[in-house]
Amino acid sequence: MLHTVLLSVHVTAGAVGLMLGPLAMAVPKRAGWHPRLGVAYQGVVAVMTVSALGLVALAPGRLWGLGLIAGATEAAALAGWAVRRRRPSGWLGWHIRLMCGSYLSFVTAALVVNWASPLAWALPAVIGAPLIPRAVKRATSSSMRSGDSAAAARA
């Protein structure tokens, strides 16, 4: 019974997170939708992580690797949020790297669970990792082009 409840919560949070990530990446990065989607993403990452750790506790020998991915996903998402809140020098690049990294962890976990191939562990990083520096460059140069000197100074 507990396993069924945890798994249902975990799958639902994972599915919602897989949908929210691209939405947050696609909307304009300003007040409004982006921060709202970001808060929702943080919530589902937290639910997914807690439910994953509950599932790992029920079958540690079989699921310990997914517990590590859940922890990494949560750590990256929280760090991305904290960097955005504190806005140290270069915050925008770090925010993008960390949030995209958390999303890559999400995708990796979904593939590992649903695709019995060693490629499931590597493919998200091989495809996604090269895209992250491009996103950072695009975001930081667009903030400089827009004339937002404060954002450019922080980026």
C-alpha atoms as a PDB file:
ATOM      1  CA  MET A   1       0.000   0.000   0.000  1.00  0.00           C
ATOM      2  CA  LEU A   2       2.717   2.525   0.990  1.00  0.00           C
ATOM      3  CA  HIS A   3       4.720   1.603  -2.101  1.00  0.00           C
ATOM      4  CA  THR A   4       1.689   2.225  -4.341  1.00  0.00           C
ATOM      5  CA  VAL A   5       0.996   5.627  -2.769  1.00  0.00           C
ATOM      6  CA  LEU A   6       4.652   6.713  -2.977  1.00  0.00           C
ATOM      7  CA  LEU A   7       4.959   5.502  -6.546  1.00  0.00           C
ATOM      8  CA  SER A   8       1.747   7.279  -7.605  1.00  0.00           C
ATOM      9  CA  VAL A   9       2.892  10.545  -6.023  1.00  0.00           C
ATOM     10  CA  HIS A  10       6.362  10.129  -7.520  1.00  0.00           C
ATOM     11  CA  VAL A  11       5.143   9.423 -11.058  1.00  0.00           C
ATOM     12  CA  THR A  12       2.681  12.324 -10.933  1.00  0.00           C
ATOM     13  CA  ALA A  13       5.329  14.761  -9.648  1.00  0.00           C
ATOM     14  CA  GLY A  14       7.789  13.500 -12.238  1.00  0.00           C
ATOM     15  CA  ALA A  15       5.328  13.918 -15.103  1.00  0.00           C
ATOM     16  CA  VAL A  16       4.409  17.430 -13.981  1.00  0.00           C
ATOM     17  CA  GLY A  17       8.086  18.339 -13.580  1.00  0.00           C
ATOM     18  CA  LEU A  18       8.912  17.046 -17.053  1.00  0.00           C
ATOM     19  CA  MET A  19       6.202  19.360 -18.420  1.00  0.00           C
ATOM     20  CA  LEU A  20       7.016  22.404 -16.279  1.00  0.00           C
ATOM     21  CA  GLY A  21      10.733  22.455 -17.091  1.00  0.00           C
ATOM     22  CA  PRO A  22      10.385  23.213 -20.814  1.00  0.00           C
ATOM     23  CA  LEU A  23       7.571  25.669 -20.116  1.00  0.00           C
ATOM     24  CA  ALA A  24       9.776  27.631 -17.707  1.00  0.00           C
ATOM     25  CA  MET A  25      12.604  27.550 -20.252  1.00  0.00           C
ATOM     26  CA  ALA A  26      10.341  28.777 -23.060  1.00  0.00           C
ATOM     27  CA  VAL A  27       8.575  31.742 -21.465  1.00  0.00           C
ATOM     28  CA  PRO A  28      10.184  35.204 -21.270  1.00  0.00           C
ATOM     29  CA  LYS A  29      12.509  35.569 -18.296  1.00  0.00           C
ATOM     30  CA  ARG A  30      10.778  38.385 -16.449  1.00  0.00           C
ATOM     31  CA  ALA A  31       8.144  38.849 -13.749  1.00  0.00           C
ATOM     32  CA  GLY A  32       5.051  36.792 -14.456  1.00  0.00           C
ATOM     33  CA  TRP A  33       5.067  33.291 -15.881  1.00  0.00           C
ATOM     34  CA  HIS A  34       8.745  32.392 -15.508  1.00  0.00           C
ATOM     35  CA  PRO A  35       8.887  32.858 -11.714  1.00  0.00           C
ATOM     36  CA  ARG A  36       5.476  31.217 -11.258  1.00  0.00           C
ATOM     37  CA  LEU A  37       6.530  28.185 -13.274  1.00  0.00           C
ATOM     38  CA  GLY A  38       9.823  28.146 -11.363  1.00  0.00           C
ATOM     39  CA  VAL A  39       8.037  27.993  -8.010  1.00  0.00           C
ATOM     40  CA  ALA A  40       5.795  25.200  -9.297  1.00  0.00           C
ATOM     41  CA  TYR A  41       8.872  23.350 -10.602  1.00  0.00           C
ATOM     42  CA  GLN A  42      10.553  23.692  -7.181  1.00  0.00           C
ATOM     43  CA  GLY A  43       7.445  22.237  -5.557  1.00  0.00           C
ATOM     44  CA  VAL A  44       7.254  19.189  -7.800  1.00  0.00           C
ATOM     45  CA  VAL A  45      11.000  18.589  -7.492  1.00  0.00           C
ATOM     46  CA  ALA A  46      10.603  18.559  -3.704  1.00  0.00           C
ATOM     47  CA  VAL A  47       7.640  16.149  -3.888  1.00  0.00           C
ATOM     48  CA  MET A  48       9.472  13.946  -6.396  1.00  0.00           C
ATOM     49  CA  THR A  49      12.583  13.870  -4.192  1.00  0.00           C
ATOM     50  CA  VAL A  50      10.738  13.006  -0.979  1.00  0.00           C
ATOM     51  CA  SER A  51       8.727  10.291  -2.717  1.00  0.00           C
ATOM     52  CA  ALA A  52      11.888   8.932  -4.386  1.00  0.00           C
ATOM     53  CA  LEU A  53      13.661   8.712  -1.040  1.00  0.00           C
ATOM     54  CA  GLY A  54      10.607   6.919   0.388  1.00  0.00           C
ATOM     55  CA  LEU A  55      10.743   4.411  -2.470  1.00  0.00           C
ATOM     56  CA  VAL A  56      14.500   3.945  -1.973  1.00  0.00           C
ATOM     57  CA  ALA A  57      13.896   3.242   1.725  1.00  0.00           C
ATOM     58  CA  LEU A  58      11.514   0.440   0.722  1.00  0.00           C
ATOM     59  CA  ALA A  59      13.982  -1.147  -1.746  1.00  0.00           C
ATOM     60  CA  PRO A  60      17.467   0.308  -1.168  1.00  0.00           C
ATOM     61  CA  GLY A  61      19.419  -2.403  -2.950  1.00  0.00           C
ATOM     62  CA  ARG A  62      17.479  -1.930  -6.148  1.00  0.00           C
ATOM     63  CA  LEU A  63      16.761   1.827  -6.167  1.00  0.00           C
ATOM     64  CA  TRP A  64      19.763   3.508  -4.528  1.00  0.00           C
ATOM     65  CA  GLY A  65      20.908   4.994  -7.870  1.00  0.00           C
ATOM     66  CA  LEU A  66      17.600   6.721  -8.391  1.00  0.00           C
ATOM     67  CA  GLY A  67      17.848   8.135  -4.889  1.00  0.00           C
ATOM     68  CA  LEU A  68      21.140   9.734  -5.914  1.00  0.00           C
ATOM     69  CA  ILE A  69      19.545  11.241  -9.016  1.00  0.00           C
ATOM     70  CA  ALA A  70      16.640  12.580  -6.940  1.00  0.00           C
ATOM     71  CA  GLY A  71      19.068  14.162  -4.488  1.00  0.00           C
ATOM     72  CA  ALA A  72      21.103  15.721  -7.314  1.00  0.00           C
ATOM     73  CA  THR A  73      17.943  17.038  -8.955  1.00  0.00           C
ATOM     74  CA  GLU A  74      16.799  18.671  -5.724  1.00  0.00           C
ATOM     75  CA  ALA A  75      20.256  20.067  -4.927  1.00  0.00           C
ATOM     76  CA  ALA A  76      20.616  21.659  -8.369  1.00  0.00           C
ATOM     77  CA  ALA A  77      17.080  23.077  -8.338  1.00  0.00           C
ATOM     78  CA  LEU A  78      17.489  24.577  -4.855  1.00  0.00           C
ATOM     79  CA  ALA A  79      20.908  25.991  -5.697  1.00  0.00           C
ATOM     80  CA  GLY A  80      19.504  27.528  -8.899  1.00  0.00           C
ATOM     81  CA  TRP A  81      16.726  29.142  -6.906  1.00  0.00           C
ATOM     82  CA  ALA A  82      19.118  30.392  -4.205  1.00  0.00           C
ATOM     83  CA  VAL A  83      21.480  31.929  -6.768  1.00  0.00           C
ATOM     84  CA  ARG A  84      18.552  33.762  -8.342  1.00  0.00           C
ATOM     85  CA  ARG A  85      17.375  35.041  -4.962  1.00  0.00           C
ATOM     86  CA  ARG A  86      20.806  36.263  -3.847  1.00  0.00           C
ATOM     87  CA  ARG A  87      21.974  37.512  -7.257  1.00  0.00           C
ATOM     88  CA  PRO A  88      25.753  37.357  -6.789  1.00  0.00           C
ATOM     89  CA  SER A  89      28.003  38.397  -9.644  1.00  0.00           C
ATOM     90  CA  GLY A  90      27.323  36.099 -12.613  1.00  0.00           C
ATOM     91  CA  TRP A  91      24.073  34.846 -11.081  1.00  0.00           C
ATOM     92  CA  LEU A  92      22.182  34.492 -14.350  1.00  0.00           C
ATOM     93  CA  GLY A  93      24.622  31.997 -15.844  1.00  0.00           C
ATOM     94  CA  TRP A  94      24.673  29.944 -12.654  1.00  0.00           C
ATOM     95  CA  HIS A  95      20.880  30.014 -12.399  1.00  0.00           C
ATOM     96  CA  ILE A  96      20.531  28.681 -15.936  1.00  0.00           C
ATOM     97  CA  ARG A  97      23.230  26.008 -15.490  1.00  0.00           C
ATOM     98  CA  LEU A  98      21.768  24.732 -12.235  1.00  0.00           C
ATOM     99  CA  MET A  99      18.121  24.734 -13.313  1.00  0.00           C
ATOM    100  CA  CYS A 100      18.927  23.074 -16.641  1.00  0.00           C
ATOM    101  CA  GLY A 101      21.116  20.570 -14.784  1.00  0.00           C
ATOM    102  CA  SER A 102      18.219  19.705 -12.497  1.00  0.00           C
ATOM    103  CA  TYR A 103      16.028  19.186 -15.541  1.00  0.00           C
ATOM    104  CA  LEU A 104      18.649  16.907 -17.126  1.00  0.00           C
ATOM    105  CA  SER A 105      18.543  14.858 -13.919  1.00  0.00           C
ATOM    106  CA  PHE A 106      14.763  14.651 -14.228  1.00  0.00           C
ATOM    107  CA  VAL A 107      15.021  13.403 -17.810  1.00  0.00           C
ATOM    108  CA  THR A 108      17.780  10.939 -16.885  1.00  0.00           C
ATOM    109  CA  ALA A 109      15.677   9.410 -14.112  1.00  0.00           C
ATOM    110  CA  ALA A 110      12.640   9.113 -16.386  1.00  0.00           C
ATOM    111  CA  LEU A 111      14.694   7.380 -19.084  1.00  0.00           C
ATOM    112  CA  VAL A 112      16.472   5.041 -16.656  1.00  0.00           C
ATOM    113  CA  VAL A 113      13.168   3.855 -15.204  1.00  0.00           C
ATOM    114  CA  ASN A 114      11.408   3.460 -18.546  1.00  0.00           C
ATOM    115  CA  TRP A 115      14.176   2.360 -20.936  1.00  0.00           C
ATOM    116  CA  ALA A 116      16.328  -0.651 -20.103  1.00  0.00           C
ATOM    117  CA  SER A 117      19.473   0.600 -21.806  1.00  0.00           C
ATOM    118  CA  PRO A 118      22.786   1.946 -20.514  1.00  0.00           C
ATOM    119  CA  LEU A 119      22.229   4.830 -22.935  1.00  0.00           C
ATOM    120  CA  ALA A 120      19.468   6.076 -20.629  1.00  0.00           C
ATOM    121  CA  TRP A 121      22.154   7.147 -18.158  1.00  0.00           C
ATOM    122  CA  ALA A 122      24.281   9.020 -20.704  1.00  0.00           C
ATOM    123  CA  LEU A 123      22.015  10.303 -23.458  1.00  0.00           C
ATOM    124  CA  PRO A 124      20.454  13.243 -21.571  1.00  0.00           C
ATOM    125  CA  ALA A 125      23.886  14.569 -20.616  1.00  0.00           C
ATOM    126  CA  VAL A 126      25.355  13.986 -24.073  1.00  0.00           C
ATOM    127  CA  ILE A 127      22.480  15.858 -25.725  1.00  0.00           C
ATOM    128  CA  GLY A 128      21.614  18.404 -23.031  1.00  0.00           C
ATOM    129  CA  ALA A 129      24.989  19.431 -21.619  1.00  0.00           C
ATOM    130  CA  PRO A 130      26.188  21.153 -24.809  1.00  0.00           C
ATOM    131  CA  LEU A 131      22.926  23.120 -24.981  1.00  0.00           C
ATOM    132  CA  ILE A 132      23.359  24.677 -21.531  1.00  0.00           C
ATOM    133  CA  PRO A 133      26.335  26.955 -22.392  1.00  0.00           C
ATOM    134  CA  ARG A 134      24.429  28.081 -25.484  1.00  0.00           C
ATOM    135  CA  ALA A 135      21.444  29.001 -23.305  1.00  0.00           C
ATOM    136  CA  VAL A 136      23.721  30.880 -20.894  1.00  0.00           C
ATOM    137  CA  LYS A 137      25.363  32.791 -23.736  1.00  0.00           C
ATOM    138  CA  ARG A 138      22.014  33.614 -25.304  1.00  0.00           C
ATOM    139  CA  ALA A 139      20.502  34.837 -22.023  1.00  0.00           C
ATOM    140  CA  THR A 140      23.489  36.875 -20.912  1.00  0.00           C
ATOM    141  CA  SER A 141      24.001  38.510 -24.314  1.00  0.00           C
ATOM    142  CA  SER A 142      20.279  39.286 -24.670  1.00  0.00           C
ATOM    143  CA  SER A 143      20.262  40.995 -21.257  1.00  0.00           C
ATOM    144  CA  MET A 144      23.221  43.091 -22.412  1.00  0.00           C
ATOM    145  CA  ARG A 145      21.580  43.913 -25.771  1.00  0.00           C
ATOM    146  CA  SER A 146      18.321  44.925 -24.127  1.00  0.00           C
ATOM    147  CA  GLY A 147      20.083  47.803 -22.434  1.00  0.00           C
ATOM    148  CA  ASP A 148      19.450  46.417 -18.975  1.00  0.00           C
ATOM    149  CA  SER A 149      22.751  47.534 -17.515  1.00  0.00           C
ATOM    150  CA  ALA A 150      21.901  46.207 -14.058  1.00  0.00           C
ATOM    151  CA  ALA A 151      21.183  42.728 -15.442  1.00  0.00           C
ATOM    152  CA  ALA A 152      24.251  42.921 -17.648  1.00  0.00           C
ATOM    153  CA  ALA A 153      26.407  43.859 -14.670  1.00  0.00           C
ATOM    154  CA  ARG A 154      25.047  40.917 -12.678  1.00  0.00           C
ATOM    155  CA  ALA A 155      25.347  38.443 -15.574  1.00  0.00           C
END
